[in-house]
Amino acid sequence: MRSYAVETPVQEQVNLRQEHVSVERRPADRAVTGNEAAFQDRTIEATEKSDQAVVSKEARVKEELVVKKDVDQKTETVSDSVRRTEVKVEDERGNAAGKPRKT
């Protein structure tokens, strides 16, 4: 059995939003209305924001494999020939020593 990893490139389209603040000066020549707060100190803040794509990965089990092995036993009769070697040992003086040996 062999297991291997397959790597597949993936592309996904995501919409990202960016906000930019700009300040423009325009000349004006008009009378102040009663709704405007004239000659007061004030601070106006504008915050720029930007989205960033965040990629996360998570290992997921998509499939499980079950591997089984069956074992069978049987008794079988085997027929064949068996060989053996018999050795006859002789004395260096020329006399036969003992009976034949089986090895």
Protein backbone atom coordinates (compact mmCIF):
# COMPACT_ATOMS: atom_id res chain seq x y z
CA MET A 1 0.00 0.00 0.00
CA ARG A 2 1.35 3.45 -0.83
CA SER A 3 0.18 6.85 0.32
CA TYR A 4 1.19 10.08 -1.25
CA ALA A 5 0.27 13.70 -1.08
CA VAL A 6 -1.20 15.55 -4.01
CA GLU A 7 -0.75 19.29 -4.09
CA THR A 8 -3.30 21.25 -6.10
CA PRO A 9 -3.02 25.02 -6.63
CA VAL A 10 -6.22 26.90 -5.71
CA GLN A 11 -7.27 30.45 -6.65
CA GLU A 12 -10.16 32.31 -5.08
CA GLN A 13 -11.55 35.76 -6.00
CA VAL A 14 -12.02 38.03 -2.97
CA ASN A 15 -13.35 41.58 -2.86
CA LEU A 16 -11.19 43.93 -0.79
CA ARG A 17 -12.16 47.48 0.13
CA GLN A 18 -9.87 50.43 0.73
CA GLU A 19 -10.89 53.84 2.00
CA HIS A 20 -8.74 56.90 1.32
CA VAL A 21 -9.28 60.34 2.82
CA SER A 22 -8.46 63.45 0.85
CA VAL A 23 -8.83 67.11 1.79
CA GLU A 24 -9.64 69.70 -0.86
CA ARG A 25 -9.61 73.43 -0.41
CA ARG A 26 -12.06 75.43 -2.53
CA PRO A 27 -12.36 79.17 -2.60
CA ALA A 28 -15.71 80.50 -1.37
CA ASP A 29 -17.16 83.94 -0.94
CA ARG A 30 -20.53 83.85 0.79
CA ALA A 31 -22.14 85.02 3.99
CA VAL A 32 -22.19 82.78 7.04
CA THR A 33 -25.61 81.26 7.75
CA GLY A 34 -27.04 80.76 11.23
CA ASN A 35 -26.46 76.96 11.07
CA GLU A 36 -22.65 77.26 10.88
CA ALA A 37 -20.54 77.43 14.01
CA ALA A 38 -18.21 80.29 13.16
CA PHE A 39 -14.99 81.13 14.98
CA GLN A 40 -14.87 78.01 17.15
CA ASP A 41 -11.92 75.67 17.59
CA ARG A 42 -12.68 72.14 16.50
CA THR A 43 -10.95 69.01 15.29
CA ILE A 44 -12.33 66.76 12.58
CA GLU A 45 -10.90 63.25 12.31
CA ALA A 46 -11.20 60.94 9.33
CA THR A 47 -9.94 57.37 9.50
CA GLU A 48 -8.71 55.43 6.50
CA LYS A 49 -9.45 51.72 6.43
CA SER A 50 -8.17 48.91 4.27
CA ASP A 51 -9.19 45.27 4.00
CA GLN A 52 -6.55 42.57 3.83
CA ALA A 53 -7.07 39.08 2.51
CA VAL A 54 -6.48 36.50 5.21
CA VAL A 55 -5.81 32.94 4.18
CA SER A 56 -6.08 30.11 6.63
CA LYS A 57 -5.65 26.43 6.13
CA GLU A 58 -7.13 23.57 8.08
CA ALA A 59 -6.43 19.88 7.66
CA ARG A 60 -9.69 18.06 6.94
CA VAL A 61 -10.39 14.34 6.89
CA LYS A 62 -12.19 13.70 3.60
CA GLU A 63 -12.05 9.93 3.46
CA GLU A 64 -11.05 6.99 5.62
CA LEU A 65 -9.56 3.75 4.41
CA VAL A 66 -10.05 0.42 6.12
CA VAL A 67 -7.44 -2.19 5.25
CA LYS A 68 -8.23 -5.78 6.14
CA LYS A 69 -6.15 -8.89 5.83
CA ASP A 70 -7.78 -12.29 5.89
CA VAL A 71 -5.76 -15.30 6.99
CA ASP A 72 -6.71 -18.82 5.98
CA GLN A 73 -5.04 -21.97 7.25
CA LYS A 74 -5.01 -25.34 5.57
CA THR A 75 -3.24 -28.63 6.00
CA GLU A 76 -1.51 -30.09 2.98
CA THR A 77 0.38 -33.35 2.42
CA VAL A 78 3.69 -32.90 0.63
CA SER A 79 5.57 -35.78 -1.04
CA ASP A 80 9.22 -35.58 -2.02
CA SER A 81 12.48 -37.62 -1.74
CA VAL A 82 14.93 -37.15 1.04
CA ARG A 83 18.68 -37.65 0.52
CA ARG A 84 21.33 -38.44 2.95
CA THR A 85 25.08 -38.82 2.79
CA GLU A 86 26.88 -41.68 4.27
CA VAL A 87 30.55 -41.27 5.13
CA LYS A 88 33.00 -43.97 5.54
CA VAL A 89 36.04 -42.97 7.60
CA GLU A 90 39.36 -44.70 7.00
CA ASP A 91 42.37 -44.72 9.28
CA GLU A 92 45.52 -43.15 7.77
CA ARG A 93 47.30 -46.41 8.42
CA GLY A 94 45.01 -48.04 5.91
CA ASN A 95 42.68 -49.69 8.40
CA ALA A 96 38.92 -49.09 8.26
CA ALA A 97 37.80 -47.29 11.38
CA GLY A 98 34.31 -47.83 12.66
CA LYS A 99 31.17 -48.20 10.71
CA PRO A 100 29.78 -45.83 8.04
CA ARG A 101 28.53 -42.46 9.34
CA LYS A 102 25.41 -40.70 8.22
CA THR A 103 25.38 -36.95 7.91
